[in-house]
Amino acid sequence: RAHTTAPAAAPSSAPPEDLCTRVV
């Protein structure tokens, strides 16, 4: 597996106010 790379973690595409809304 020396020549393969792990996929990068996808950044959150949700705006912060959406995340705030869900948790609140």
PDBML (XML) file of the C-alpha atoms, coordinates in Angstrom:
<?xml version="1.0" encoding="UTF-8" ?>
<PDBx:datablock datablockName="MODEL"
   xmlns:PDBx="http://pdbml.pdb.org/schema/pdbx-v50.xsd"
   xmlns:xsi="http://www.w3.org/2001/XMLSchema-instance"
   xsi:schemaLocation="http://pdbml.pdb.org/schema/pdbx-v50.xsd pdbx-v50.xsd">
   <PDBx:atom_siteCategory>
      <PDBx:atom_site id="1">
         <PDBx:B_iso_or_equiv>0.00</PDBx:B_iso_or_equiv>
         <PDBx:Cartn_x>0.000</PDBx:Cartn_x>
         <PDBx:Cartn_y>0.000</PDBx:Cartn_y>
         <PDBx:Cartn_z>0.000</PDBx:Cartn_z>
         <PDBx:auth_asym_id>A</PDBx:auth_asym_id>
         <PDBx:auth_atom_id>CA</PDBx:auth_atom_id>
         <PDBx:auth_comp_id>ARG</PDBx:auth_comp_id>
         <PDBx:auth_seq_id>1</PDBx:auth_seq_id>
         <PDBx:group_PDB>ATOM</PDBx:group_PDB>
         <PDBx:label_alt_id xsi:nil="true" />
         <PDBx:label_asym_id>A</PDBx:label_asym_id>
         <PDBx:label_atom_id>CA</PDBx:label_atom_id>
         <PDBx:label_comp_id>ARG</PDBx:label_comp_id>
         <PDBx:label_entity_id>1</PDBx:label_entity_id>
         <PDBx:label_seq_id>1</PDBx:label_seq_id>
         <PDBx:occupancy>1.00</PDBx:occupancy>
         <PDBx:pdbx_PDB_model_num>1</PDBx:pdbx_PDB_model_num>
         <PDBx:type_symbol>C</PDBx:type_symbol>
      </PDBx:atom_site>
      <PDBx:atom_site id="2">
         <PDBx:B_iso_or_equiv>0.00</PDBx:B_iso_or_equiv>
         <PDBx:Cartn_x>3.111</PDBx:Cartn_x>
         <PDBx:Cartn_y>2.209</PDBx:Cartn_y>
         <PDBx:Cartn_z>-0.195</PDBx:Cartn_z>
         <PDBx:auth_asym_id>A</PDBx:auth_asym_id>
         <PDBx:auth_atom_id>CA</PDBx:auth_atom_id>
         <PDBx:auth_comp_id>ALA</PDBx:auth_comp_id>
         <PDBx:auth_seq_id>2</PDBx:auth_seq_id>
         <PDBx:group_PDB>ATOM</PDBx:group_PDB>
         <PDBx:label_alt_id xsi:nil="true" />
         <PDBx:label_asym_id>A</PDBx:label_asym_id>
         <PDBx:label_atom_id>CA</PDBx:label_atom_id>
         <PDBx:label_comp_id>ALA</PDBx:label_comp_id>
         <PDBx:label_entity_id>1</PDBx:label_entity_id>
         <PDBx:label_seq_id>2</PDBx:label_seq_id>
         <PDBx:occupancy>1.00</PDBx:occupancy>
         <PDBx:pdbx_PDB_model_num>1</PDBx:pdbx_PDB_model_num>
         <PDBx:type_symbol>C</PDBx:type_symbol>
      </PDBx:atom_site>
      <PDBx:atom_site id="3">
         <PDBx:B_iso_or_equiv>0.00</PDBx:B_iso_or_equiv>
         <PDBx:Cartn_x>1.986</PDBx:Cartn_x>
         <PDBx:Cartn_y>3.966</PDBx:Cartn_y>
         <PDBx:Cartn_z>-3.367</PDBx:Cartn_z>
         <PDBx:auth_asym_id>A</PDBx:auth_asym_id>
         <PDBx:auth_atom_id>CA</PDBx:auth_atom_id>
         <PDBx:auth_comp_id>HIS</PDBx:auth_comp_id>
         <PDBx:auth_seq_id>3</PDBx:auth_seq_id>
         <PDBx:group_PDB>ATOM</PDBx:group_PDB>
         <PDBx:label_alt_id xsi:nil="true" />
         <PDBx:label_asym_id>A</PDBx:label_asym_id>
         <PDBx:label_atom_id>CA</PDBx:label_atom_id>
         <PDBx:label_comp_id>HIS</PDBx:label_comp_id>
         <PDBx:label_entity_id>1</PDBx:label_entity_id>
         <PDBx:label_seq_id>3</PDBx:label_seq_id>
         <PDBx:occupancy>1.00</PDBx:occupancy>
         <PDBx:pdbx_PDB_model_num>1</PDBx:pdbx_PDB_model_num>
         <PDBx:type_symbol>C</PDBx:type_symbol>
      </PDBx:atom_site>
      <PDBx:atom_site id="4">
         <PDBx:B_iso_or_equiv>0.00</PDBx:B_iso_or_equiv>
         <PDBx:Cartn_x>-1.618</PDBx:Cartn_x>
         <PDBx:Cartn_y>4.607</PDBx:Cartn_y>
         <PDBx:Cartn_z>-2.440</PDBx:Cartn_z>
         <PDBx:auth_asym_id>A</PDBx:auth_asym_id>
         <PDBx:auth_atom_id>CA</PDBx:auth_atom_id>
         <PDBx:auth_comp_id>THR</PDBx:auth_comp_id>
         <PDBx:auth_seq_id>4</PDBx:auth_seq_id>
         <PDBx:group_PDB>ATOM</PDBx:group_PDB>
         <PDBx:label_alt_id xsi:nil="true" />
         <PDBx:label_asym_id>A</PDBx:label_asym_id>
         <PDBx:label_atom_id>CA</PDBx:label_atom_id>
         <PDBx:label_comp_id>THR</PDBx:label_comp_id>
         <PDBx:label_entity_id>1</PDBx:label_entity_id>
         <PDBx:label_seq_id>4</PDBx:label_seq_id>
         <PDBx:occupancy>1.00</PDBx:occupancy>
         <PDBx:pdbx_PDB_model_num>1</PDBx:pdbx_PDB_model_num>
         <PDBx:type_symbol>C</PDBx:type_symbol>
      </PDBx:atom_site>
      <PDBx:atom_site id="5">
         <PDBx:B_iso_or_equiv>0.00</PDBx:B_iso_or_equiv>
         <PDBx:Cartn_x>-2.907</PDBx:Cartn_x>
         <PDBx:Cartn_y>7.479</PDBx:Cartn_y>
         <PDBx:Cartn_z>-0.397</PDBx:Cartn_z>
         <PDBx:auth_asym_id>A</PDBx:auth_asym_id>
         <PDBx:auth_atom_id>CA</PDBx:auth_atom_id>
         <PDBx:auth_comp_id>THR</PDBx:auth_comp_id>
         <PDBx:auth_seq_id>5</PDBx:auth_seq_id>
         <PDBx:group_PDB>ATOM</PDBx:group_PDB>
         <PDBx:label_alt_id xsi:nil="true" />
         <PDBx:label_asym_id>A</PDBx:label_asym_id>
         <PDBx:label_atom_id>CA</PDBx:label_atom_id>
         <PDBx:label_comp_id>THR</PDBx:label_comp_id>
         <PDBx:label_entity_id>1</PDBx:label_entity_id>
         <PDBx:label_seq_id>5</PDBx:label_seq_id>
         <PDBx:occupancy>1.00</PDBx:occupancy>
         <PDBx:pdbx_PDB_model_num>1</PDBx:pdbx_PDB_model_num>
         <PDBx:type_symbol>C</PDBx:type_symbol>
      </PDBx:atom_site>
      <PDBx:atom_site id="6">
         <PDBx:B_iso_or_equiv>0.00</PDBx:B_iso_or_equiv>
         <PDBx:Cartn_x>-5.803</PDBx:Cartn_x>
         <PDBx:Cartn_y>7.526</PDBx:Cartn_y>
         <PDBx:Cartn_z>1.962</PDBx:Cartn_z>
         <PDBx:auth_asym_id>A</PDBx:auth_asym_id>
         <PDBx:auth_atom_id>CA</PDBx:auth_atom_id>
         <PDBx:auth_comp_id>ALA</PDBx:auth_comp_id>
         <PDBx:auth_seq_id>6</PDBx:auth_seq_id>
         <PDBx:group_PDB>ATOM</PDBx:group_PDB>
         <PDBx:label_alt_id xsi:nil="true" />
         <PDBx:label_asym_id>A</PDBx:label_asym_id>
         <PDBx:label_atom_id>CA</PDBx:label_atom_id>
         <PDBx:label_comp_id>ALA</PDBx:label_comp_id>
         <PDBx:label_entity_id>1</PDBx:label_entity_id>
         <PDBx:label_seq_id>6</PDBx:label_seq_id>
         <PDBx:occupancy>1.00</PDBx:occupancy>
         <PDBx:pdbx_PDB_model_num>1</PDBx:pdbx_PDB_model_num>
         <PDBx:type_symbol>C</PDBx:type_symbol>
      </PDBx:atom_site>
      <PDBx:atom_site id="7">
         <PDBx:B_iso_or_equiv>0.00</PDBx:B_iso_or_equiv>
         <PDBx:Cartn_x>-8.645</PDBx:Cartn_x>
         <PDBx:Cartn_y>9.775</PDBx:Cartn_y>
         <PDBx:Cartn_z>0.879</PDBx:Cartn_z>
         <PDBx:auth_asym_id>A</PDBx:auth_asym_id>
         <PDBx:auth_atom_id>CA</PDBx:auth_atom_id>
         <PDBx:auth_comp_id>PRO</PDBx:auth_comp_id>
         <PDBx:auth_seq_id>7</PDBx:auth_seq_id>
         <PDBx:group_PDB>ATOM</PDBx:group_PDB>
         <PDBx:label_alt_id xsi:nil="true" />
         <PDBx:label_asym_id>A</PDBx:label_asym_id>
         <PDBx:label_atom_id>CA</PDBx:label_atom_id>
         <PDBx:label_comp_id>PRO</PDBx:label_comp_id>
         <PDBx:label_entity_id>1</PDBx:label_entity_id>
         <PDBx:label_seq_id>7</PDBx:label_seq_id>
         <PDBx:occupancy>1.00</PDBx:occupancy>
         <PDBx:pdbx_PDB_model_num>1</PDBx:pdbx_PDB_model_num>
         <PDBx:type_symbol>C</PDBx:type_symbol>
      </PDBx:atom_site>
      <PDBx:atom_site id="8">
         <PDBx:B_iso_or_equiv>0.00</PDBx:B_iso_or_equiv>
         <PDBx:Cartn_x>-8.639</PDBx:Cartn_x>
         <PDBx:Cartn_y>13.089</PDBx:Cartn_y>
         <PDBx:Cartn_z>2.679</PDBx:Cartn_z>
         <PDBx:auth_asym_id>A</PDBx:auth_asym_id>
         <PDBx:auth_atom_id>CA</PDBx:auth_atom_id>
         <PDBx:auth_comp_id>ALA</PDBx:auth_comp_id>
         <PDBx:auth_seq_id>8</PDBx:auth_seq_id>
         <PDBx:group_PDB>ATOM</PDBx:group_PDB>
         <PDBx:label_alt_id xsi:nil="true" />
         <PDBx:label_asym_id>A</PDBx:label_asym_id>
         <PDBx:label_atom_id>CA</PDBx:label_atom_id>
         <PDBx:label_comp_id>ALA</PDBx:label_comp_id>
         <PDBx:label_entity_id>1</PDBx:label_entity_id>
         <PDBx:label_seq_id>8</PDBx:label_seq_id>
         <PDBx:occupancy>1.00</PDBx:occupancy>
         <PDBx:pdbx_PDB_model_num>1</PDBx:pdbx_PDB_model_num>
         <PDBx:type_symbol>C</PDBx:type_symbol>
      </PDBx:atom_site>
      <PDBx:atom_site id="9">
         <PDBx:B_iso_or_equiv>0.00</PDBx:B_iso_or_equiv>
         <PDBx:Cartn_x>-11.436</PDBx:Cartn_x>
         <PDBx:Cartn_y>13.683</PDBx:Cartn_y>
         <PDBx:Cartn_z>5.117</PDBx:Cartn_z>
         <PDBx:auth_asym_id>A</PDBx:auth_asym_id>
         <PDBx:auth_atom_id>CA</PDBx:auth_atom_id>
         <PDBx:auth_comp_id>ALA</PDBx:auth_comp_id>
         <PDBx:auth_seq_id>9</PDBx:auth_seq_id>
         <PDBx:group_PDB>ATOM</PDBx:group_PDB>
         <PDBx:label_alt_id xsi:nil="true" />
         <PDBx:label_asym_id>A</PDBx:label_asym_id>
         <PDBx:label_atom_id>CA</PDBx:label_atom_id>
         <PDBx:label_comp_id>ALA</PDBx:label_comp_id>
         <PDBx:label_entity_id>1</PDBx:label_entity_id>
         <PDBx:label_seq_id>9</PDBx:label_seq_id>
         <PDBx:occupancy>1.00</PDBx:occupancy>
         <PDBx:pdbx_PDB_model_num>1</PDBx:pdbx_PDB_model_num>
         <PDBx:type_symbol>C</PDBx:type_symbol>
      </PDBx:atom_site>
      <PDBx:atom_site id="10">
         <PDBx:B_iso_or_equiv>0.00</PDBx:B_iso_or_equiv>
         <PDBx:Cartn_x>-14.111</PDBx:Cartn_x>
         <PDBx:Cartn_y>15.763</PDBx:Cartn_y>
         <PDBx:Cartn_z>3.461</PDBx:Cartn_z>
         <PDBx:auth_asym_id>A</PDBx:auth_asym_id>
         <PDBx:auth_atom_id>CA</PDBx:auth_atom_id>
         <PDBx:auth_comp_id>ALA</PDBx:auth_comp_id>
         <PDBx:auth_seq_id>10</PDBx:auth_seq_id>
         <PDBx:group_PDB>ATOM</PDBx:group_PDB>
         <PDBx:label_alt_id xsi:nil="true" />
         <PDBx:label_asym_id>A</PDBx:label_asym_id>
         <PDBx:label_atom_id>CA</PDBx:label_atom_id>
         <PDBx:label_comp_id>ALA</PDBx:label_comp_id>
         <PDBx:label_entity_id>1</PDBx:label_entity_id>
         <PDBx:label_seq_id>10</PDBx:label_seq_id>
         <PDBx:occupancy>1.00</PDBx:occupancy>
         <PDBx:pdbx_PDB_model_num>1</PDBx:pdbx_PDB_model_num>
         <PDBx:type_symbol>C</PDBx:type_symbol>
      </PDBx:atom_site>
      <PDBx:atom_site id="11">
         <PDBx:B_iso_or_equiv>0.00</PDBx:B_iso_or_equiv>
         <PDBx:Cartn_x>-14.511</PDBx:Cartn_x>
         <PDBx:Cartn_y>19.151</PDBx:Cartn_y>
         <PDBx:Cartn_z>5.059</PDBx:Cartn_z>
         <PDBx:auth_asym_id>A</PDBx:auth_asym_id>
         <PDBx:auth_atom_id>CA</PDBx:auth_atom_id>
         <PDBx:auth_comp_id>PRO</PDBx:auth_comp_id>
         <PDBx:auth_seq_id>11</PDBx:auth_seq_id>
         <PDBx:group_PDB>ATOM</PDBx:group_PDB>
         <PDBx:label_alt_id xsi:nil="true" />
         <PDBx:label_asym_id>A</PDBx:label_asym_id>
         <PDBx:label_atom_id>CA</PDBx:label_atom_id>
         <PDBx:label_comp_id>PRO</PDBx:label_comp_id>
         <PDBx:label_entity_id>1</PDBx:label_entity_id>
         <PDBx:label_seq_id>11</PDBx:label_seq_id>
         <PDBx:occupancy>1.00</PDBx:occupancy>
         <PDBx:pdbx_PDB_model_num>1</PDBx:pdbx_PDB_model_num>
         <PDBx:type_symbol>C</PDBx:type_symbol>
      </PDBx:atom_site>
      <PDBx:atom_site id="12">
         <PDBx:B_iso_or_equiv>0.00</PDBx:B_iso_or_equiv>
         <PDBx:Cartn_x>-17.920</PDBx:Cartn_x>
         <PDBx:Cartn_y>19.956</PDBx:Cartn_y>
         <PDBx:Cartn_z>6.413</PDBx:Cartn_z>
         <PDBx:auth_asym_id>A</PDBx:auth_asym_id>
         <PDBx:auth_atom_id>CA</PDBx:auth_atom_id>
         <PDBx:auth_comp_id>SER</PDBx:auth_comp_id>
         <PDBx:auth_seq_id>12</PDBx:auth_seq_id>
         <PDBx:group_PDB>ATOM</PDBx:group_PDB>
         <PDBx:label_alt_id xsi:nil="true" />
         <PDBx:label_asym_id>A</PDBx:label_asym_id>
         <PDBx:label_atom_id>CA</PDBx:label_atom_id>
         <PDBx:label_comp_id>SER</PDBx:label_comp_id>
         <PDBx:label_entity_id>1</PDBx:label_entity_id>
         <PDBx:label_seq_id>12</PDBx:label_seq_id>
         <PDBx:occupancy>1.00</PDBx:occupancy>
         <PDBx:pdbx_PDB_model_num>1</PDBx:pdbx_PDB_model_num>
         <PDBx:type_symbol>C</PDBx:type_symbol>
      </PDBx:atom_site>
      <PDBx:atom_site id="13">
         <PDBx:B_iso_or_equiv>0.00</PDBx:B_iso_or_equiv>
         <PDBx:Cartn_x>-19.940</PDBx:Cartn_x>
         <PDBx:Cartn_y>21.584</PDBx:Cartn_y>
         <PDBx:Cartn_z>3.682</PDBx:Cartn_z>
         <PDBx:auth_asym_id>A</PDBx:auth_asym_id>
         <PDBx:auth_atom_id>CA</PDBx:auth_atom_id>
         <PDBx:auth_comp_id>SER</PDBx:auth_comp_id>
         <PDBx:auth_seq_id>13</PDBx:auth_seq_id>
         <PDBx:group_PDB>ATOM</PDBx:group_PDB>
         <PDBx:label_alt_id xsi:nil="true" />
         <PDBx:label_asym_id>A</PDBx:label_asym_id>
         <PDBx:label_atom_id>CA</PDBx:label_atom_id>
         <PDBx:label_comp_id>SER</PDBx:label_comp_id>
         <PDBx:label_entity_id>1</PDBx:label_entity_id>
         <PDBx:label_seq_id>13</PDBx:label_seq_id>
         <PDBx:occupancy>1.00</PDBx:occupancy>
         <PDBx:pdbx_PDB_model_num>1</PDBx:pdbx_PDB_model_num>
         <PDBx:type_symbol>C</PDBx:type_symbol>
      </PDBx:atom_site>
      <PDBx:atom_site id="14">
         <PDBx:B_iso_or_equiv>0.00</PDBx:B_iso_or_equiv>
         <PDBx:Cartn_x>-22.680</PDBx:Cartn_x>
         <PDBx:Cartn_y>22.717</PDBx:Cartn_y>
         <PDBx:Cartn_z>6.050</PDBx:Cartn_z>
         <PDBx:auth_asym_id>A</PDBx:auth_asym_id>
         <PDBx:auth_atom_id>CA</PDBx:auth_atom_id>
         <PDBx:auth_comp_id>ALA</PDBx:auth_comp_id>
         <PDBx:auth_seq_id>14</PDBx:auth_seq_id>
         <PDBx:group_PDB>ATOM</PDBx:group_PDB>
         <PDBx:label_alt_id xsi:nil="true" />
         <PDBx:label_asym_id>A</PDBx:label_asym_id>
         <PDBx:label_atom_id>CA</PDBx:label_atom_id>
         <PDBx:label_comp_id>ALA</PDBx:label_comp_id>
         <PDBx:label_entity_id>1</PDBx:label_entity_id>
         <PDBx:label_seq_id>14</PDBx:label_seq_id>
         <PDBx:occupancy>1.00</PDBx:occupancy>
         <PDBx:pdbx_PDB_model_num>1</PDBx:pdbx_PDB_model_num>
         <PDBx:type_symbol>C</PDBx:type_symbol>
      </PDBx:atom_site>
      <PDBx:atom_site id="15">
         <PDBx:B_iso_or_equiv>0.00</PDBx:B_iso_or_equiv>
         <PDBx:Cartn_x>-22.588</PDBx:Cartn_x>
         <PDBx:Cartn_y>26.378</PDBx:Cartn_y>
         <PDBx:Cartn_z>7.032</PDBx:Cartn_z>
         <PDBx:auth_asym_id>A</PDBx:auth_asym_id>
         <PDBx:auth_atom_id>CA</PDBx:auth_atom_id>
         <PDBx:auth_comp_id>PRO</PDBx:auth_comp_id>
         <PDBx:auth_seq_id>15</PDBx:auth_seq_id>
         <PDBx:group_PDB>ATOM</PDBx:group_PDB>
         <PDBx:label_alt_id xsi:nil="true" />
         <PDBx:label_asym_id>A</PDBx:label_asym_id>
         <PDBx:label_atom_id>CA</PDBx:label_atom_id>
         <PDBx:label_comp_id>PRO</PDBx:label_comp_id>
         <PDBx:label_entity_id>1</PDBx:label_entity_id>
         <PDBx:label_seq_id>15</PDBx:label_seq_id>
         <PDBx:occupancy>1.00</PDBx:occupancy>
         <PDBx:pdbx_PDB_model_num>1</PDBx:pdbx_PDB_model_num>
         <PDBx:type_symbol>C</PDBx:type_symbol>
      </PDBx:atom_site>
      <PDBx:atom_site id="16">
         <PDBx:B_iso_or_equiv>0.00</PDBx:B_iso_or_equiv>
         <PDBx:Cartn_x>-21.965</PDBx:Cartn_x>
         <PDBx:Cartn_y>26.941</PDBx:Cartn_y>
         <PDBx:Cartn_z>10.751</PDBx:Cartn_z>
         <PDBx:auth_asym_id>A</PDBx:auth_asym_id>
         <PDBx:auth_atom_id>CA</PDBx:auth_atom_id>
         <PDBx:auth_comp_id>PRO</PDBx:auth_comp_id>
         <PDBx:auth_seq_id>16</PDBx:auth_seq_id>
         <PDBx:group_PDB>ATOM</PDBx:group_PDB>
         <PDBx:label_alt_id xsi:nil="true" />
         <PDBx:label_asym_id>A</PDBx:label_asym_id>
         <PDBx:label_atom_id>CA</PDBx:label_atom_id>
         <PDBx:label_comp_id>PRO</PDBx:label_comp_id>
         <PDBx:label_entity_id>1</PDBx:label_entity_id>
         <PDBx:label_seq_id>16</PDBx:label_seq_id>
         <PDBx:occupancy>1.00</PDBx:occupancy>
         <PDBx:pdbx_PDB_model_num>1</PDBx:pdbx_PDB_model_num>
         <PDBx:type_symbol>C</PDBx:type_symbol>
      </PDBx:atom_site>
      <PDBx:atom_site id="17">
         <PDBx:B_iso_or_equiv>0.00</PDBx:B_iso_or_equiv>
         <PDBx:Cartn_x>-25.473</PDBx:Cartn_x>
         <PDBx:Cartn_y>28.302</PDBx:Cartn_y>
         <PDBx:Cartn_z>11.301</PDBx:Cartn_z>
         <PDBx:auth_asym_id>A</PDBx:auth_asym_id>
         <PDBx:auth_atom_id>CA</PDBx:auth_atom_id>
         <PDBx:auth_comp_id>GLU</PDBx:auth_comp_id>
         <PDBx:auth_seq_id>17</PDBx:auth_seq_id>
         <PDBx:group_PDB>ATOM</PDBx:group_PDB>
         <PDBx:label_alt_id xsi:nil="true" />
         <PDBx:label_asym_id>A</PDBx:label_asym_id>
         <PDBx:label_atom_id>CA</PDBx:label_atom_id>
         <PDBx:label_comp_id>GLU</PDBx:label_comp_id>
         <PDBx:label_entity_id>1</PDBx:label_entity_id>
         <PDBx:label_seq_id>17</PDBx:label_seq_id>
         <PDBx:occupancy>1.00</PDBx:occupancy>
         <PDBx:pdbx_PDB_model_num>1</PDBx:pdbx_PDB_model_num>
         <PDBx:type_symbol>C</PDBx:type_symbol>
      </PDBx:atom_site>
      <PDBx:atom_site id="18">
         <PDBx:B_iso_or_equiv>0.00</PDBx:B_iso_or_equiv>
         <PDBx:Cartn_x>-26.906</PDBx:Cartn_x>
         <PDBx:Cartn_y>25.014</PDBx:Cartn_y>
         <PDBx:Cartn_z>9.974</PDBx:Cartn_z>
         <PDBx:auth_asym_id>A</PDBx:auth_asym_id>
         <PDBx:auth_atom_id>CA</PDBx:auth_atom_id>
         <PDBx:auth_comp_id>ASP</PDBx:auth_comp_id>
         <PDBx:auth_seq_id>18</PDBx:auth_seq_id>
         <PDBx:group_PDB>ATOM</PDBx:group_PDB>
         <PDBx:label_alt_id xsi:nil="true" />
         <PDBx:label_asym_id>A</PDBx:label_asym_id>
         <PDBx:label_atom_id>CA</PDBx:label_atom_id>
         <PDBx:label_comp_id>ASP</PDBx:label_comp_id>
         <PDBx:label_entity_id>1</PDBx:label_entity_id>
         <PDBx:label_seq_id>18</PDBx:label_seq_id>
         <PDBx:occupancy>1.00</PDBx:occupancy>
         <PDBx:pdbx_PDB_model_num>1</PDBx:pdbx_PDB_model_num>
         <PDBx:type_symbol>C</PDBx:type_symbol>
      </PDBx:atom_site>
      <PDBx:atom_site id="19">
         <PDBx:B_iso_or_equiv>0.00</PDBx:B_iso_or_equiv>
         <PDBx:Cartn_x>-24.783</PDBx:Cartn_x>
         <PDBx:Cartn_y>22.991</PDBx:Cartn_y>
         <PDBx:Cartn_z>12.397</PDBx:Cartn_z>
         <PDBx:auth_asym_id>A</PDBx:auth_asym_id>
         <PDBx:auth_atom_id>CA</PDBx:auth_atom_id>
         <PDBx:auth_comp_id>LEU</PDBx:auth_comp_id>
         <PDBx:auth_seq_id>19</PDBx:auth_seq_id>
         <PDBx:group_PDB>ATOM</PDBx:group_PDB>
         <PDBx:label_alt_id xsi:nil="true" />
         <PDBx:label_asym_id>A</PDBx:label_asym_id>
         <PDBx:label_atom_id>CA</PDBx:label_atom_id>
         <PDBx:label_comp_id>LEU</PDBx:label_comp_id>
         <PDBx:label_entity_id>1</PDBx:label_entity_id>
         <PDBx:label_seq_id>19</PDBx:label_seq_id>
         <PDBx:occupancy>1.00</PDBx:occupancy>
         <PDBx:pdbx_PDB_model_num>1</PDBx:pdbx_PDB_model_num>
         <PDBx:type_symbol>C</PDBx:type_symbol>
      </PDBx:atom_site>
      <PDBx:atom_site id="20">
         <PDBx:B_iso_or_equiv>0.00</PDBx:B_iso_or_equiv>
         <PDBx:Cartn_x>-25.767</PDBx:Cartn_x>
         <PDBx:Cartn_y>25.341</PDBx:Cartn_y>
         <PDBx:Cartn_z>15.213</PDBx:Cartn_z>
         <PDBx:auth_asym_id>A</PDBx:auth_asym_id>
         <PDBx:auth_atom_id>CA</PDBx:auth_atom_id>
         <PDBx:auth_comp_id>CYS</PDBx:auth_comp_id>
         <PDBx:auth_seq_id>20</PDBx:auth_seq_id>
         <PDBx:group_PDB>ATOM</PDBx:group_PDB>
         <PDBx:label_alt_id xsi:nil="true" />
         <PDBx:label_asym_id>A</PDBx:label_asym_id>
         <PDBx:label_atom_id>CA</PDBx:label_atom_id>
         <PDBx:label_comp_id>CYS</PDBx:label_comp_id>
         <PDBx:label_entity_id>1</PDBx:label_entity_id>
         <PDBx:label_seq_id>20</PDBx:label_seq_id>
         <PDBx:occupancy>1.00</PDBx:occupancy>
         <PDBx:pdbx_PDB_model_num>1</PDBx:pdbx_PDB_model_num>
         <PDBx:type_symbol>C</PDBx:type_symbol>
      </PDBx:atom_site>
      <PDBx:atom_site id="21">
         <PDBx:B_iso_or_equiv>0.00</PDBx:B_iso_or_equiv>
         <PDBx:Cartn_x>-29.444</PDBx:Cartn_x>
         <PDBx:Cartn_y>24.945</PDBx:Cartn_y>
         <PDBx:Cartn_z>14.306</PDBx:Cartn_z>
         <PDBx:auth_asym_id>A</PDBx:auth_asym_id>
         <PDBx:auth_atom_id>CA</PDBx:auth_atom_id>
         <PDBx:auth_comp_id>THR</PDBx:auth_comp_id>
         <PDBx:auth_seq_id>21</PDBx:auth_seq_id>
         <PDBx:group_PDB>ATOM</PDBx:group_PDB>
         <PDBx:label_alt_id xsi:nil="true" />
         <PDBx:label_asym_id>A</PDBx:label_asym_id>
         <PDBx:label_atom_id>CA</PDBx:label_atom_id>
         <PDBx:label_comp_id>THR</PDBx:label_comp_id>
         <PDBx:label_entity_id>1</PDBx:label_entity_id>
         <PDBx:label_seq_id>21</PDBx:label_seq_id>
         <PDBx:occupancy>1.00</PDBx:occupancy>
         <PDBx:pdbx_PDB_model_num>1</PDBx:pdbx_PDB_model_num>
         <PDBx:type_symbol>C</PDBx:type_symbol>
      </PDBx:atom_site>
      <PDBx:atom_site id="22">
         <PDBx:B_iso_or_equiv>0.00</PDBx:B_iso_or_equiv>
         <PDBx:Cartn_x>-29.233</PDBx:Cartn_x>
         <PDBx:Cartn_y>21.155</PDBx:Cartn_y>
         <PDBx:Cartn_z>14.355</PDBx:Cartn_z>
         <PDBx:auth_asym_id>A</PDBx:auth_asym_id>
         <PDBx:auth_atom_id>CA</PDBx:auth_atom_id>
         <PDBx:auth_comp_id>ARG</PDBx:auth_comp_id>
         <PDBx:auth_seq_id>22</PDBx:auth_seq_id>
         <PDBx:group_PDB>ATOM</PDBx:group_PDB>
         <PDBx:label_alt_id xsi:nil="true" />
         <PDBx:label_asym_id>A</PDBx:label_asym_id>
         <PDBx:label_atom_id>CA</PDBx:label_atom_id>
         <PDBx:label_comp_id>ARG</PDBx:label_comp_id>
         <PDBx:label_entity_id>1</PDBx:label_entity_id>
         <PDBx:label_seq_id>22</PDBx:label_seq_id>
         <PDBx:occupancy>1.00</PDBx:occupancy>
         <PDBx:pdbx_PDB_model_num>1</PDBx:pdbx_PDB_model_num>
         <PDBx:type_symbol>C</PDBx:type_symbol>
      </PDBx:atom_site>
      <PDBx:atom_site id="23">
         <PDBx:B_iso_or_equiv>0.00</PDBx:B_iso_or_equiv>
         <PDBx:Cartn_x>-27.497</PDBx:Cartn_x>
         <PDBx:Cartn_y>20.914</PDBx:Cartn_y>
         <PDBx:Cartn_z>17.698</PDBx:Cartn_z>
         <PDBx:auth_asym_id>A</PDBx:auth_asym_id>
         <PDBx:auth_atom_id>CA</PDBx:auth_atom_id>
         <PDBx:auth_comp_id>VAL</PDBx:auth_comp_id>
         <PDBx:auth_seq_id>23</PDBx:auth_seq_id>
         <PDBx:group_PDB>ATOM</PDBx:group_PDB>
         <PDBx:label_alt_id xsi:nil="true" />
         <PDBx:label_asym_id>A</PDBx:label_asym_id>
         <PDBx:label_atom_id>CA</PDBx:label_atom_id>
         <PDBx:label_comp_id>VAL</PDBx:label_comp_id>
         <PDBx:label_entity_id>1</PDBx:label_entity_id>
         <PDBx:label_seq_id>23</PDBx:label_seq_id>
         <PDBx:occupancy>1.00</PDBx:occupancy>
         <PDBx:pdbx_PDB_model_num>1</PDBx:pdbx_PDB_model_num>
         <PDBx:type_symbol>C</PDBx:type_symbol>
      </PDBx:atom_site>
      <PDBx:atom_site id="24">
         <PDBx:B_iso_or_equiv>0.00</PDBx:B_iso_or_equiv>
         <PDBx:Cartn_x>-29.638</PDBx:Cartn_x>
         <PDBx:Cartn_y>23.586</PDBx:Cartn_y>
         <PDBx:Cartn_z>19.388</PDBx:Cartn_z>
         <PDBx:auth_asym_id>A</PDBx:auth_asym_id>
         <PDBx:auth_atom_id>CA</PDBx:auth_atom_id>
         <PDBx:auth_comp_id>VAL</PDBx:auth_comp_id>
         <PDBx:auth_seq_id>24</PDBx:auth_seq_id>
         <PDBx:group_PDB>ATOM</PDBx:group_PDB>
         <PDBx:label_alt_id xsi:nil="true" />
         <PDBx:label_asym_id>A</PDBx:label_asym_id>
         <PDBx:label_atom_id>CA</PDBx:label_atom_id>
         <PDBx:label_comp_id>VAL</PDBx:label_comp_id>
         <PDBx:label_entity_id>1</PDBx:label_entity_id>
         <PDBx:label_seq_id>24</PDBx:label_seq_id>
         <PDBx:occupancy>1.00</PDBx:occupancy>
         <PDBx:pdbx_PDB_model_num>1</PDBx:pdbx_PDB_model_num>
         <PDBx:type_symbol>C</PDBx:type_symbol>
      </PDBx:atom_site>
   </PDBx:atom_siteCategory>
</PDBx:datablock>
